[in-house]
Amino acid sequence: MRTPFGTWIYLLLVICGGAWVLGLHTAWWQRGLAVAAVIGLSAADAAHTAIVSELRERAAHGLDSLSTWIRGPLAIAGGAWIAGLNLPATGRVTLAAAVLAVLLFERSMTAAAPVARGAR
């Protein structure tokens, strides 16, 4: 998250991912308002507004403190939420279980991989 615009977009996606997980529904113009706010914050940050730059640094630090396994799926779900794609609660639970199963499988495969030793 090196660029101000990228940080603000990623923060929007993660927050919207939380809204998707909670099953919140909004009208298209409300989601558009959130995107417009991010564009405005990015423009203010690019103009080196001190308070906005400070907020971006704190937001980036907060995002970095989240695990990649949480941040990534939330950002993807946030993109779906902004696009207006919603699932009922059972669909969200099923999708979360599938993501968790894939992550656990991937983690077990990397942990079980043998470590190559140098030849003597």
PDB file of N, CA and C in Angstrom:
ATOM      1  N   MET A   1       0.835  -1.173   0.000  1.00  0.00           N
ATOM      2  CA  MET A   1       0.000   0.000   0.000  1.00  0.00           C
ATOM      3  C   MET A   1       0.882   1.238   0.000  1.00  0.00           C
ATOM      4  N   ARG A   2       1.553   1.421  -1.087  1.00  0.00           N
ATOM      5  CA  ARG A   2       2.488   2.523  -1.204  1.00  0.00           C
ATOM      6  C   ARG A   2       1.809   3.818  -1.635  1.00  0.00           C
ATOM      7  N   THR A   3       0.785   3.718  -2.459  1.00  0.00           N
ATOM      8  CA  THR A   3       0.162   4.936  -2.979  1.00  0.00           C
ATOM      9  C   THR A   3      -1.034   5.330  -2.121  1.00  0.00           C
ATOM     10  N   PRO A   4      -1.275   6.625  -2.016  1.00  0.00           N
ATOM     11  CA  PRO A   4      -2.442   7.068  -1.240  1.00  0.00           C
ATOM     12  C   PRO A   4      -3.750   6.532  -1.813  1.00  0.00           C
ATOM     13  N   PHE A   5      -3.893   6.567  -3.118  1.00  0.00           N
ATOM     14  CA  PHE A   5      -5.125   6.099  -3.744  1.00  0.00           C
ATOM     15  C   PHE A   5      -5.344   4.619  -3.467  1.00  0.00           C
ATOM     16  N   GLY A   6      -4.277   3.835  -3.559  1.00  0.00           N
ATOM     17  CA  GLY A   6      -4.383   2.405  -3.300  1.00  0.00           C
ATOM     18  C   GLY A   6      -4.779   2.092  -1.870  1.00  0.00           C
ATOM     19  N   THR A   7      -4.235   2.849  -0.934  1.00  0.00           N
ATOM     20  CA  THR A   7      -4.577   2.634   0.472  1.00  0.00           C
ATOM     21  C   THR A   7      -6.046   2.926   0.731  1.00  0.00           C
ATOM     22  N   TRP A   8      -6.530   4.040   0.186  1.00  0.00           N
ATOM     23  CA  TRP A   8      -7.938   4.399   0.406  1.00  0.00           C
ATOM     24  C   TRP A   8      -8.870   3.392  -0.238  1.00  0.00           C
ATOM     25  N   ILE A   9      -8.534   2.917  -1.437  1.00  0.00           N
ATOM     26  CA  ILE A   9      -9.385   1.920  -2.100  1.00  0.00           C
ATOM     27  C   ILE A   9      -9.390   0.614  -1.309  1.00  0.00           C
ATOM     28  N   TYR A  10      -8.224   0.186  -0.858  1.00  0.00           N
ATOM     29  CA  TYR A  10      -8.141  -1.060  -0.104  1.00  0.00           C
ATOM     30  C   TYR A  10      -8.924  -0.952   1.200  1.00  0.00           C
ATOM     31  N   LEU A  11      -8.839   0.201   1.861  1.00  0.00           N
ATOM     32  CA  LEU A  11      -9.615   0.406   3.084  1.00  0.00           C
ATOM     33  C   LEU A  11     -11.111   0.335   2.787  1.00  0.00           C
ATOM     34  N   LEU A  12     -11.540   0.961   1.698  1.00  0.00           N
ATOM     35  CA  LEU A  12     -12.954   0.899   1.308  1.00  0.00           C
ATOM     36  C   LEU A  12     -13.386  -0.544   1.066  1.00  0.00           C
ATOM     37  N   LEU A  13     -12.572  -1.304   0.349  1.00  0.00           N
ATOM     38  CA  LEU A  13     -12.936  -2.686   0.049  1.00  0.00           C
ATOM     39  C   LEU A  13     -13.032  -3.539   1.319  1.00  0.00           C
ATOM     40  N   VAL A  14     -12.112  -3.347   2.250  1.00  0.00           N
ATOM     41  CA  VAL A  14     -12.143  -4.139   3.485  1.00  0.00           C
ATOM     42  C   VAL A  14     -13.366  -3.762   4.328  1.00  0.00           C
ATOM     43  N   ILE A  15     -13.659  -2.467   4.430  1.00  0.00           N
ATOM     44  CA  ILE A  15     -14.835  -2.046   5.194  1.00  0.00           C
ATOM     45  C   ILE A  15     -16.117  -2.559   4.537  1.00  0.00           C
ATOM     46  N   CYS A  16     -16.194  -2.464   3.215  1.00  0.00           N
ATOM     47  CA  CYS A  16     -17.369  -2.971   2.508  1.00  0.00           C
ATOM     48  C   CYS A  16     -17.465  -4.491   2.611  1.00  0.00           C
ATOM     49  N   GLY A  17     -16.325  -5.167   2.707  1.00  0.00           N
ATOM     50  CA  GLY A  17     -16.336  -6.604   2.937  1.00  0.00           C
ATOM     51  C   GLY A  17     -16.970  -6.944   4.274  1.00  0.00           C
ATOM     52  N   GLY A  18     -16.697  -6.118   5.280  1.00  0.00           N
ATOM     53  CA  GLY A  18     -17.358  -6.303   6.575  1.00  0.00           C
ATOM     54  C   GLY A  18     -18.864  -6.120   6.464  1.00  0.00           C
ATOM     55  N   ALA A  19     -19.281  -5.138   5.670  1.00  0.00           N
ATOM     56  CA  ALA A  19     -20.723  -4.924   5.455  1.00  0.00           C
ATOM     57  C   ALA A  19     -21.338  -6.120   4.729  1.00  0.00           C
ATOM     58  N   TRP A  20     -20.602  -6.702   3.782  1.00  0.00           N
ATOM     59  CA  TRP A  20     -21.088  -7.871   3.044  1.00  0.00           C
ATOM     60  C   TRP A  20     -21.243  -9.057   3.987  1.00  0.00           C
ATOM     61  N   VAL A  21     -20.247  -9.256   4.859  1.00  0.00           N
ATOM     62  CA  VAL A  21     -20.307 -10.375   5.809  1.00  0.00           C
ATOM     63  C   VAL A  21     -21.501 -10.219   6.742  1.00  0.00           C
ATOM     64  N   LEU A  22     -21.779  -8.986   7.149  1.00  0.00           N
ATOM     65  CA  LEU A  22     -22.908  -8.740   8.047  1.00  0.00           C
ATOM     66  C   LEU A  22     -24.254  -8.777   7.331  1.00  0.00           C
ATOM     67  N   GLY A  23     -24.227  -8.812   6.003  1.00  0.00           N
ATOM     68  CA  GLY A  23     -25.466  -8.891   5.239  1.00  0.00           C
ATOM     69  C   GLY A  23     -26.174  -7.559   5.077  1.00  0.00           C
ATOM     70  N   LEU A  24     -25.456  -6.464   5.187  1.00  0.00           N
ATOM     71  CA  LEU A  24     -26.072  -5.150   5.035  1.00  0.00           C
ATOM     72  C   LEU A  24     -26.401  -4.884   3.566  1.00  0.00           C
ATOM     73  N   HIS A  25     -27.525  -4.273   3.323  1.00  0.00           N
ATOM     74  CA  HIS A  25     -27.952  -3.936   1.966  1.00  0.00           C
ATOM     75  C   HIS A  25     -28.089  -2.427   1.854  1.00  0.00           C
ATOM     76  N   THR A  26     -27.635  -1.880   0.745  1.00  0.00           N
ATOM     77  CA  THR A  26     -27.770  -0.446   0.489  1.00  0.00           C
ATOM     78  C   THR A  26     -28.176  -0.247  -0.965  1.00  0.00           C
ATOM     79  N   ALA A  27     -28.635   0.951  -1.252  1.00  0.00           N
ATOM     80  CA  ALA A  27     -28.981   1.306  -2.625  1.00  0.00           C
ATOM     81  C   ALA A  27     -27.695   1.601  -3.396  1.00  0.00           C
ATOM     82  N   TRP A  28     -27.805   1.573  -4.717  1.00  0.00           N
ATOM     83  CA  TRP A  28     -26.629   1.793  -5.560  1.00  0.00           C
ATOM     84  C   TRP A  28     -26.015   3.166  -5.316  1.00  0.00           C
ATOM     85  N   TRP A  29     -26.846   4.176  -5.046  1.00  0.00           N
ATOM     86  CA  TRP A  29     -26.310   5.520  -4.877  1.00  0.00           C
ATOM     87  C   TRP A  29     -25.549   5.662  -3.553  1.00  0.00           C
ATOM     88  N   GLN A  30     -25.901   4.857  -2.557  1.00  0.00           N
ATOM     89  CA  GLN A  30     -25.170   4.894  -1.297  1.00  0.00           C
ATOM     90  C   GLN A  30     -23.784   4.278  -1.453  1.00  0.00           C
ATOM     91  N   ARG A  31     -23.707   3.202  -2.231  1.00  0.00           N
ATOM     92  CA  ARG A  31     -22.399   2.612  -2.509  1.00  0.00           C
ATOM     93  C   ARG A  31     -21.574   3.562  -3.371  1.00  0.00           C
ATOM     94  N   GLY A  32     -22.220   4.250  -4.296  1.00  0.00           N
ATOM     95  CA  GLY A  32     -21.535   5.254  -5.114  1.00  0.00           C
ATOM     96  C   GLY A  32     -21.022   6.412  -4.274  1.00  0.00           C
ATOM     97  N   LEU A  33     -21.754   6.761  -3.237  1.00  0.00           N
ATOM     98  CA  LEU A  33     -21.326   7.813  -2.320  1.00  0.00           C
ATOM     99  C   LEU A  33     -20.050   7.405  -1.581  1.00  0.00           C
ATOM    100  N   ALA A  34     -19.955   6.157  -1.198  1.00  0.00           N
ATOM    101  CA  ALA A  34     -18.749   5.662  -0.531  1.00  0.00           C
ATOM    102  C   ALA A  34     -17.549   5.726  -1.469  1.00  0.00           C
ATOM    103  N   VAL A  35     -17.763   5.348  -2.730  1.00  0.00           N
ATOM    104  CA  VAL A  35     -16.683   5.427  -3.715  1.00  0.00           C
ATOM    105  C   VAL A  35     -16.283   6.879  -3.954  1.00  0.00           C
ATOM    106  N   ALA A  36     -17.266   7.778  -4.028  1.00  0.00           N
ATOM    107  CA  ALA A  36     -16.968   9.205  -4.220  1.00  0.00           C
ATOM    108  C   ALA A  36     -16.185   9.755  -3.025  1.00  0.00           C
ATOM    109  N   ALA A  37     -16.504   9.308  -1.819  1.00  0.00           N
ATOM    110  CA  ALA A  37     -15.762   9.755  -0.644  1.00  0.00           C
ATOM    111  C   ALA A  37     -14.301   9.327  -0.714  1.00  0.00           C
ATOM    112  N   VAL A  38     -14.069   8.103  -1.193  1.00  0.00           N
ATOM    113  CA  VAL A  38     -12.691   7.618  -1.335  1.00  0.00           C
ATOM    114  C   VAL A  38     -11.953   8.434  -2.390  1.00  0.00           C
ATOM    115  N   ILE A  39     -12.622   8.766  -3.471  1.00  0.00           N
ATOM    116  CA  ILE A  39     -11.986   9.598  -4.500  1.00  0.00           C
ATOM    117  C   ILE A  39     -11.650  10.976  -3.926  1.00  0.00           C
ATOM    118  N   GLY A  40     -12.564  11.544  -3.130  1.00  0.00           N
ATOM    119  CA  GLY A  40     -12.299  12.833  -2.498  1.00  0.00           C
ATOM    120  C   GLY A  40     -11.145  12.763  -1.505  1.00  0.00           C
ATOM    121  N   LEU A  41     -11.095  11.711  -0.701  1.00  0.00           N
ATOM    122  CA  LEU A  41      -9.989  11.545   0.238  1.00  0.00           C
ATOM    123  C   LEU A  41      -8.665  11.370  -0.494  1.00  0.00           C
ATOM    124  N   SER A  42      -8.688  10.639  -1.592  1.00  0.00           N
ATOM    125  CA  SER A  42      -7.471  10.444  -2.376  1.00  0.00           C
ATOM    126  C   SER A  42      -6.990  11.760  -2.972  1.00  0.00           C
ATOM    127  N   ALA A  43      -7.921  12.579  -3.459  1.00  0.00           N
ATOM    128  CA  ALA A  43      -7.549  13.877  -4.017  1.00  0.00           C
ATOM    129  C   ALA A  43      -6.979  14.785  -2.936  1.00  0.00           C
ATOM    130  N   ALA A  44      -7.595  14.785  -1.764  1.00  0.00           N
ATOM    131  CA  ALA A  44      -7.077  15.598  -0.658  1.00  0.00           C
ATOM    132  C   ALA A  44      -5.721  15.097  -0.194  1.00  0.00           C
ATOM    133  N   ASP A  45      -5.534  13.781  -0.216  1.00  0.00           N
ATOM    134  CA  ASP A  45      -4.255  13.203   0.174  1.00  0.00           C
ATOM    135  C   ASP A  45      -3.180  13.533  -0.849  1.00  0.00           C
ATOM    136  N   ALA A  46      -3.539  13.509  -2.126  1.00  0.00           N
ATOM    137  CA  ALA A  46      -2.576  13.858  -3.174  1.00  0.00           C
ATOM    138  C   ALA A  46      -2.183  15.334  -3.099  1.00  0.00           C
ATOM    139  N   ALA A  47      -3.077  16.168  -2.566  1.00  0.00           N
ATOM    140  CA  ALA A  47      -2.780  17.589  -2.386  1.00  0.00           C
ATOM    141  C   ALA A  47      -2.012  17.830  -1.086  1.00  0.00           C
ATOM    142  N   HIS A  48      -1.627  16.771  -0.417  1.00  0.00           N
ATOM    143  CA  HIS A  48      -0.828  16.810   0.813  1.00  0.00           C
ATOM    144  C   HIS A  48      -1.520  17.546   1.950  1.00  0.00           C
ATOM    145  N   THR A  49      -2.810  17.270   2.110  1.00  0.00           N
ATOM    146  CA  THR A  49      -3.544  17.782   3.262  1.00  0.00           C
ATOM    147  C   THR A  49      -3.084  16.983   4.479  1.00  0.00           C
ATOM    148  N   ALA A  50      -2.595  17.683   5.473  1.00  0.00           N
ATOM    149  CA  ALA A  50      -1.913  17.031   6.600  1.00  0.00           C
ATOM    150  C   ALA A  50      -2.802  16.034   7.326  1.00  0.00           C
ATOM    151  N   ILE A  51      -4.011  16.410   7.648  1.00  0.00           N
ATOM    152  CA  ILE A  51      -4.872  15.520   8.439  1.00  0.00           C
ATOM    153  C   ILE A  51      -5.276  14.279   7.643  1.00  0.00           C
ATOM    154  N   VAL A  52      -5.505  14.447   6.344  1.00  0.00           N
ATOM    155  CA  VAL A  52      -5.879  13.298   5.513  1.00  0.00           C
ATOM    156  C   VAL A  52      -4.695  12.352   5.354  1.00  0.00           C
ATOM    157  N   SER A  53      -3.502  12.907   5.201  1.00  0.00           N
ATOM    158  CA  SER A  53      -2.304  12.063   5.094  1.00  0.00           C
ATOM    159  C   SER A  53      -2.073  11.286   6.389  1.00  0.00           C
ATOM    160  N   GLU A  54      -2.308  11.940   7.514  1.00  0.00           N
ATOM    161  CA  GLU A  54      -2.175  11.267   8.809  1.00  0.00           C
ATOM    162  C   GLU A  54      -3.207  10.147   8.942  1.00  0.00           C
ATOM    163  N   LEU A  55      -4.441  10.413   8.518  1.00  0.00           N
ATOM    164  CA  LEU A  55      -5.474   9.372   8.547  1.00  0.00           C
ATOM    165  C   LEU A  55      -5.099   8.196   7.657  1.00  0.00           C
ATOM    166  N   ARG A  56      -4.530   8.486   6.489  1.00  0.00           N
ATOM    167  CA  ARG A  56      -4.119   7.404   5.585  1.00  0.00           C
ATOM    168  C   ARG A  56      -3.029   6.560   6.223  1.00  0.00           C
ATOM    169  N   GLU A  57      -2.062   7.200   6.886  1.00  0.00           N
ATOM    170  CA  GLU A  57      -0.992   6.445   7.528  1.00  0.00           C
ATOM    171  C   GLU A  57      -1.544   5.548   8.635  1.00  0.00           C
ATOM    172  N   ARG A  58      -2.489   6.059   9.392  1.00  0.00           N
ATOM    173  CA  ARG A  58      -3.098   5.250  10.454  1.00  0.00           C
ATOM    174  C   ARG A  58      -3.936   4.120   9.868  1.00  0.00           C
ATOM    175  N   ALA A  59      -4.655   4.413   8.778  1.00  0.00           N
ATOM    176  CA  ALA A  59      -5.461   3.376   8.125  1.00  0.00           C
ATOM    177  C   ALA A  59      -4.558   2.285   7.547  1.00  0.00           C
ATOM    178  N   ALA A  60      -3.444   2.686   6.932  1.00  0.00           N
ATOM    179  CA  ALA A  60      -2.511   1.708   6.372  1.00  0.00           C
ATOM    180  C   ALA A  60      -1.911   0.844   7.479  1.00  0.00           C
ATOM    181  N   HIS A  61      -1.597   1.451   8.603  1.00  0.00           N
ATOM    182  CA  HIS A  61      -1.063   0.685   9.727  1.00  0.00           C
ATOM    183  C   HIS A  61      -2.115  -0.295  10.252  1.00  0.00           C
ATOM    184  N   GLY A  62      -3.360   0.162  10.328  1.00  0.00           N
ATOM    185  CA  GLY A  62      -4.439  -0.726  10.770  1.00  0.00           C
ATOM    186  C   GLY A  62      -4.661  -1.886   9.815  1.00  0.00           C
ATOM    187  N   LEU A  63      -4.592  -1.610   8.511  1.00  0.00           N
ATOM    188  CA  LEU A  63      -4.752  -2.680   7.524  1.00  0.00           C
ATOM    189  C   LEU A  63      -3.597  -3.664   7.596  1.00  0.00           C
ATOM    190  N   ASP A  64      -2.387  -3.147   7.809  1.00  0.00           N
ATOM    191  CA  ASP A  64      -1.229  -4.030   7.912  1.00  0.00           C
ATOM    192  C   ASP A  64      -1.291  -4.916   9.155  1.00  0.00           C
ATOM    193  N   SER A  65      -1.971  -4.443  10.197  1.00  0.00           N
ATOM    194  CA  SER A  65      -2.069  -5.245  11.409  1.00  0.00           C
ATOM    195  C   SER A  65      -3.039  -6.420  11.247  1.00  0.00           C
ATOM    196  N   LEU A  66      -3.932  -6.329  10.263  1.00  0.00           N
ATOM    197  CA  LEU A  66      -4.832  -7.451   9.981  1.00  0.00           C
ATOM    198  C   LEU A  66      -4.069  -8.558   9.271  1.00  0.00           C
ATOM    199  N   SER A  67      -4.460  -9.758   9.499  1.00  0.00           N
ATOM    200  CA  SER A  67      -3.844 -10.888   8.811  1.00  0.00           C
ATOM    201  C   SER A  67      -4.205 -10.847   7.324  1.00  0.00           C
ATOM    202  N   THR A  68      -3.286 -11.305   6.504  1.00  0.00           N
ATOM    203  CA  THR A  68      -3.544 -11.379   5.065  1.00  0.00           C
ATOM    204  C   THR A  68      -4.727 -12.290   4.781  1.00  0.00           C
ATOM    205  N   TRP A  69      -4.904 -13.308   5.628  1.00  0.00           N
ATOM    206  CA  TRP A  69      -5.999 -14.256   5.440  1.00  0.00           C
ATOM    207  C   TRP A  69      -7.352 -13.618   5.732  1.00  0.00           C
ATOM    208  N   ILE A  70      -7.368 -12.532   6.468  1.00  0.00           N
ATOM    209  CA  ILE A  70      -8.608 -11.805   6.745  1.00  0.00           C
ATOM    210  C   ILE A  70      -8.784 -10.675   5.739  1.00  0.00           C
ATOM    211  N   ARG A  71      -7.703  -9.933   5.513  1.00  0.00           N
ATOM    212  CA  ARG A  71      -7.739  -8.777   4.632  1.00  0.00           C
ATOM    213  C   ARG A  71      -8.138  -9.125   3.207  1.00  0.00           C
ATOM    214  N   GLY A  72      -7.546 -10.155   2.644  1.00  0.00           N
ATOM    215  CA  GLY A  72      -7.809 -10.532   1.251  1.00  0.00           C
ATOM    216  C   GLY A  72      -9.255 -10.921   0.986  1.00  0.00           C
ATOM    217  N   PRO A  73      -9.790 -11.903   1.730  1.00  0.00           N
ATOM    218  CA  PRO A  73     -11.199 -12.264   1.511  1.00  0.00           C
ATOM    219  C   PRO A  73     -12.174 -11.117   1.776  1.00  0.00           C
ATOM    220  N   LEU A  74     -11.869 -10.274   2.771  1.00  0.00           N
ATOM    221  CA  LEU A  74     -12.745  -9.132   3.028  1.00  0.00           C
ATOM    222  C   LEU A  74     -12.732  -8.152   1.860  1.00  0.00           C
ATOM    223  N   ALA A  75     -11.560  -7.937   1.274  1.00  0.00           N
ATOM    224  CA  ALA A  75     -11.475  -7.024   0.131  1.00  0.00           C
ATOM    225  C   ALA A  75     -12.241  -7.582  -1.071  1.00  0.00           C
ATOM    226  N   ILE A  76     -12.159  -8.878  -1.282  1.00  0.00           N
ATOM    227  CA  ILE A  76     -12.896  -9.496  -2.386  1.00  0.00           C
ATOM    228  C   ILE A  76     -14.400  -9.396  -2.142  1.00  0.00           C
ATOM    229  N   ALA A  77     -14.818  -9.690  -0.907  1.00  0.00           N
ATOM    230  CA  ALA A  77     -16.237  -9.576  -0.565  1.00  0.00           C
ATOM    231  C   ALA A  77     -16.702  -8.124  -0.664  1.00  0.00           C
ATOM    232  N   GLY A  78     -15.816  -7.182  -0.341  1.00  0.00           N
ATOM    233  CA  GLY A  78     -16.156  -5.769  -0.460  1.00  0.00           C
ATOM    234  C   GLY A  78     -16.400  -5.358  -1.896  1.00  0.00           C
ATOM    235  N   GLY A  79     -15.613  -5.906  -2.810  1.00  0.00           N
ATOM    236  CA  GLY A  79     -15.857  -5.640  -4.226  1.00  0.00           C
ATOM    237  C   GLY A  79     -17.203  -6.187  -4.668  1.00  0.00           C
ATOM    238  N   ALA A  80     -17.547  -7.363  -4.159  1.00  0.00           N
ATOM    239  CA  ALA A  80     -18.861  -7.939  -4.484  1.00  0.00           C
ATOM    240  C   ALA A  80     -19.982  -7.086  -3.903  1.00  0.00           C
ATOM    241  N   TRP A  81     -19.785  -6.578  -2.701  1.00  0.00           N
ATOM    242  CA  TRP A  81     -20.809  -5.744  -2.057  1.00  0.00           C
ATOM    243  C   TRP A  81     -21.009  -4.445  -2.813  1.00  0.00           C
ATOM    244  N   ILE A  82     -19.915  -3.820  -3.243  1.00  0.00           N
ATOM    245  CA  ILE A  82     -20.022  -2.571  -4.008  1.00  0.00           C
ATOM    246  C   ILE A  82     -20.734  -2.825  -5.333  1.00  0.00           C
ATOM    247  N   ALA A  83     -20.484  -3.993  -5.928  1.00  0.00           N
ATOM    248  CA  ALA A  83     -21.142  -4.342  -7.194  1.00  0.00           C
ATOM    249  C   ALA A  83     -22.605  -4.721  -6.994  1.00  0.00           C
ATOM    250  N   GLY A  84     -23.040  -4.845  -5.750  1.00  0.00           N
ATOM    251  CA  GLY A  84     -24.436  -5.165  -5.470  1.00  0.00           C
ATOM    252  C   GLY A  84     -24.727  -6.646  -5.405  1.00  0.00           C
ATOM    253  N   LEU A  85     -23.695  -7.474  -5.287  1.00  0.00           N
ATOM    254  CA  LEU A  85     -23.880  -8.920  -5.201  1.00  0.00           C
ATOM    255  C   LEU A  85     -24.018  -9.319  -3.740  1.00  0.00           C
ATOM    256  N   ASN A  86     -25.164  -9.791  -3.367  1.00  0.00           N
ATOM    257  CA  ASN A  86     -25.419 -10.195  -1.987  1.00  0.00           C
ATOM    258  C   ASN A  86     -25.930 -11.622  -1.954  1.00  0.00           C
ATOM    259  N   LEU A  87     -25.600 -12.312  -0.886  1.00  0.00           N
ATOM    260  CA  LEU A  87     -26.063 -13.679  -0.669  1.00  0.00           C
ATOM    261  C   LEU A  87     -26.856 -13.726   0.625  1.00  0.00           C
ATOM    262  N   PRO A  88     -27.770 -14.680   0.736  1.00  0.00           N
ATOM    263  CA  PRO A  88     -28.421 -14.865   2.034  1.00  0.00           C
ATOM    264  C   PRO A  88     -27.397 -15.378   3.054  1.00  0.00           C
ATOM    265  N   ALA A  89     -27.783 -15.401   4.305  1.00  0.00           N
ATOM    266  CA  ALA A  89     -26.859 -15.785   5.378  1.00  0.00           C
ATOM    267  C   ALA A  89     -26.264 -17.169   5.149  1.00  0.00           C
ATOM    268  N   THR A  90     -27.077 -18.116   4.682  1.00  0.00           N
ATOM    269  CA  THR A  90     -26.548 -19.469   4.455  1.00  0.00           C
ATOM    270  C   THR A  90     -25.488 -19.466   3.356  1.00  0.00           C
ATOM    271  N   GLY A  91     -25.672 -18.648   2.338  1.00  0.00           N
ATOM    272  CA  GLY A  91     -24.683 -18.547   1.270  1.00  0.00           C
ATOM    273  C   GLY A  91     -23.379 -17.945   1.757  1.00  0.00           C
ATOM    274  N   ARG A  92     -23.465 -16.928   2.628  1.00  0.00           N
ATOM    275  CA  ARG A  92     -22.254 -16.311   3.174  1.00  0.00           C
ATOM    276  C   ARG A  92     -21.501 -17.284   4.072  1.00  0.00           C
ATOM    277  N   VAL A  93     -22.243 -18.057   4.873  1.00  0.00           N
ATOM    278  CA  VAL A  93     -21.602 -19.042   5.752  1.00  0.00           C
ATOM    279  C   VAL A  93     -20.944 -20.141   4.916  1.00  0.00           C
ATOM    280  N   THR A  94     -21.615 -20.596   3.881  1.00  0.00           N
ATOM    281  CA  THR A  94     -21.045 -21.627   3.002  1.00  0.00           C
ATOM    282  C   THR A  94     -19.792 -21.124   2.310  1.00  0.00           C
ATOM    283  N   LEU A  95     -19.848 -19.897   1.822  1.00  0.00           N
ATOM    284  CA  LEU A  95     -18.672 -19.316   1.162  1.00  0.00           C
ATOM    285  C   LEU A  95     -17.523 -19.144   2.144  1.00  0.00           C
ATOM    286  N   ALA A  96     -17.807 -18.694   3.349  1.00  0.00           N
ATOM    287  CA  ALA A  96     -16.765 -18.545   4.370  1.00  0.00           C
ATOM    288  C   ALA A  96     -16.147 -19.896   4.714  1.00  0.00           C
ATOM    289  N   ALA A  97     -16.962 -20.931   4.798  1.00  0.00           N
ATOM    290  CA  ALA A  97     -16.447 -22.271   5.077  1.00  0.00           C
ATOM    291  C   ALA A  97     -15.560 -22.766   3.936  1.00  0.00           C
ATOM    292  N   ALA A  98     -15.950 -22.482   2.707  1.00  0.00           N
ATOM    293  CA  ALA A  98     -15.138 -22.890   1.554  1.00  0.00           C
ATOM    294  C   ALA A  98     -13.799 -22.161   1.543  1.00  0.00           C
ATOM    295  N   VAL A  99     -13.822 -20.869   1.817  1.00  0.00           N
ATOM    296  CA  VAL A  99     -12.569 -20.099   1.873  1.00  0.00           C
ATOM    297  C   VAL A  99     -11.679 -20.625   2.985  1.00  0.00           C
ATOM    298  N   LEU A 100     -12.255 -20.905   4.150  1.00  0.00           N
ATOM    299  CA  LEU A 100     -11.494 -21.438   5.271  1.00  0.00           C
ATOM    300  C   LEU A 100     -10.892 -22.800   4.932  1.00  0.00           C
ATOM    301  N   ALA A 101     -11.657 -23.650   4.258  1.00  0.00           N
ATOM    302  CA  ALA A 101     -11.141 -24.972   3.877  1.00  0.00           C
ATOM    303  C   ALA A 101      -9.972 -24.848   2.910  1.00  0.00           C
ATOM    304  N   VAL A 102     -10.089 -23.965   1.946  1.00  0.00           N
ATOM    305  CA  VAL A 102      -8.989 -23.768   0.992  1.00  0.00           C
ATOM    306  C   VAL A 102      -7.759 -23.216   1.694  1.00  0.00           C
ATOM    307  N   LEU A 103      -7.955 -22.253   2.590  1.00  0.00           N
ATOM    308  CA  LEU A 103      -6.819 -21.683   3.306  1.00  0.00           C
ATOM    309  C   LEU A 103      -6.138 -22.716   4.196  1.00  0.00           C
ATOM    310  N   LEU A 104      -6.926 -23.523   4.884  1.00  0.00           N
ATOM    311  CA  LEU A 104      -6.337 -24.570   5.723  1.00  0.00           C
ATOM    312  C   LEU A 104      -5.609 -25.615   4.885  1.00  0.00           C
ATOM    313  N   PHE A 105      -6.178 -25.970   3.747  1.00  0.00           N
ATOM    314  CA  PHE A 105      -5.522 -26.921   2.858  1.00  0.00           C
ATOM    315  C   PHE A 105      -4.208 -26.349   2.345  1.00  0.00           C
ATOM    316  N   GLU A 106      -4.227 -25.086   1.932  1.00  0.00           N
ATOM    317  CA  GLU A 106      -3.013 -24.443   1.430  1.00  0.00           C
ATOM    318  C   GLU A 106      -1.954 -24.350   2.517  1.00  0.00           C
ATOM    319  N   ARG A 107      -2.376 -23.997   3.711  1.00  0.00           N
ATOM    320  CA  ARG A 107      -1.432 -23.873   4.821  1.00  0.00           C
ATOM    321  C   ARG A 107      -0.841 -25.240   5.173  1.00  0.00           C
ATOM    322  N   SER A 108      -1.648 -26.300   5.136  1.00  0.00           N
ATOM    323  CA  SER A 108      -1.131 -27.624   5.462  1.00  0.00           C
ATOM    324  C   SER A 108      -0.165 -28.111   4.384  1.00  0.00           C
ATOM    325  N   MET A 109      -0.400 -27.718   3.143  1.00  0.00           N
ATOM    326  CA  MET A 109       0.502 -28.124   2.062  1.00  0.00           C
ATOM    327  C   MET A 109       1.850 -27.420   2.184  1.00  0.00           C
ATOM    328  N   THR A 110       1.857 -26.159   2.589  1.00  0.00           N
ATOM    329  CA  THR A 110       3.129 -25.450   2.724  1.00  0.00           C
ATOM    330  C   THR A 110       3.872 -25.911   3.971  1.00  0.00           C
ATOM    331  N   ALA A 111       3.165 -26.320   5.005  1.00  0.00           N
ATOM    332  CA  ALA A 111       3.815 -26.796   6.222  1.00  0.00           C
ATOM    333  C   ALA A 111       4.392 -28.196   6.020  1.00  0.00           C
ATOM    334  N   ALA A 112       3.774 -28.983   5.145  1.00  0.00           N
ATOM    335  CA  ALA A 112       4.222 -30.356   4.925  1.00  0.00           C
ATOM    336  C   ALA A 112       5.315 -30.451   3.869  1.00  0.00           C
ATOM    337  N   ALA A 113       5.604 -29.358   3.188  1.00  0.00           N
ATOM    338  CA  ALA A 113       6.619 -29.400   2.132  1.00  0.00           C
ATOM    339  C   ALA A 113       7.984 -29.647   2.751  1.00  0.00           C
ATOM    340  N   PRO A 114       8.739 -30.614   2.196  1.00  0.00           N
ATOM    341  CA  PRO A 114      10.057 -30.900   2.760  1.00  0.00           C
ATOM    342  C   PRO A 114      11.027 -29.745   2.471  1.00  0.00           C
ATOM    343  N   VAL A 115      11.921 -29.549   3.400  1.00  0.00           N
ATOM    344  CA  VAL A 115      12.923 -28.498   3.261  1.00  0.00           C
ATOM    345  C   VAL A 115      14.144 -29.126   2.591  1.00  0.00           C
ATOM    346  N   ALA A 116      14.557 -28.528   1.490  1.00  0.00           N
ATOM    347  CA  ALA A 116      15.717 -29.040   0.763  1.00  0.00           C
ATOM    348  C   ALA A 116      16.990 -28.654   1.509  1.00  0.00           C
ATOM    349  N   ARG A 117      17.887 -29.622   1.632  1.00  0.00           N
ATOM    350  CA  ARG A 117      19.173 -29.355   2.287  1.00  0.00           C
ATOM    351  C   ARG A 117      20.272 -29.337   1.232  1.00  0.00           C
ATOM    352  N   GLY A 118      21.240 -28.529   1.483  1.00  0.00           N
ATOM    353  CA  GLY A 118      22.355 -28.408   0.541  1.00  0.00           C
ATOM    354  C   GLY A 118      23.179 -29.690   0.490  1.00  0.00           C
ATOM    355  N   ALA A 119      23.697 -30.051  -0.693  1.00  0.00           N
ATOM    356  CA  ALA A 119      24.513 -31.252  -0.857  1.00  0.00           C
ATOM    357  C   ALA A 119      25.906 -30.970  -0.310  1.00  0.00           C
ATOM    358  N   ARG A 120      26.506 -31.972   0.311  1.00  0.00           N
ATOM    359  CA  ARG A 120      27.851 -31.794   0.874  1.00  0.00           C
ATOM    360  C   ARG A 120      28.863 -32.467   0.032  1.00  0.00           C
TER     361      ARG A 120
END
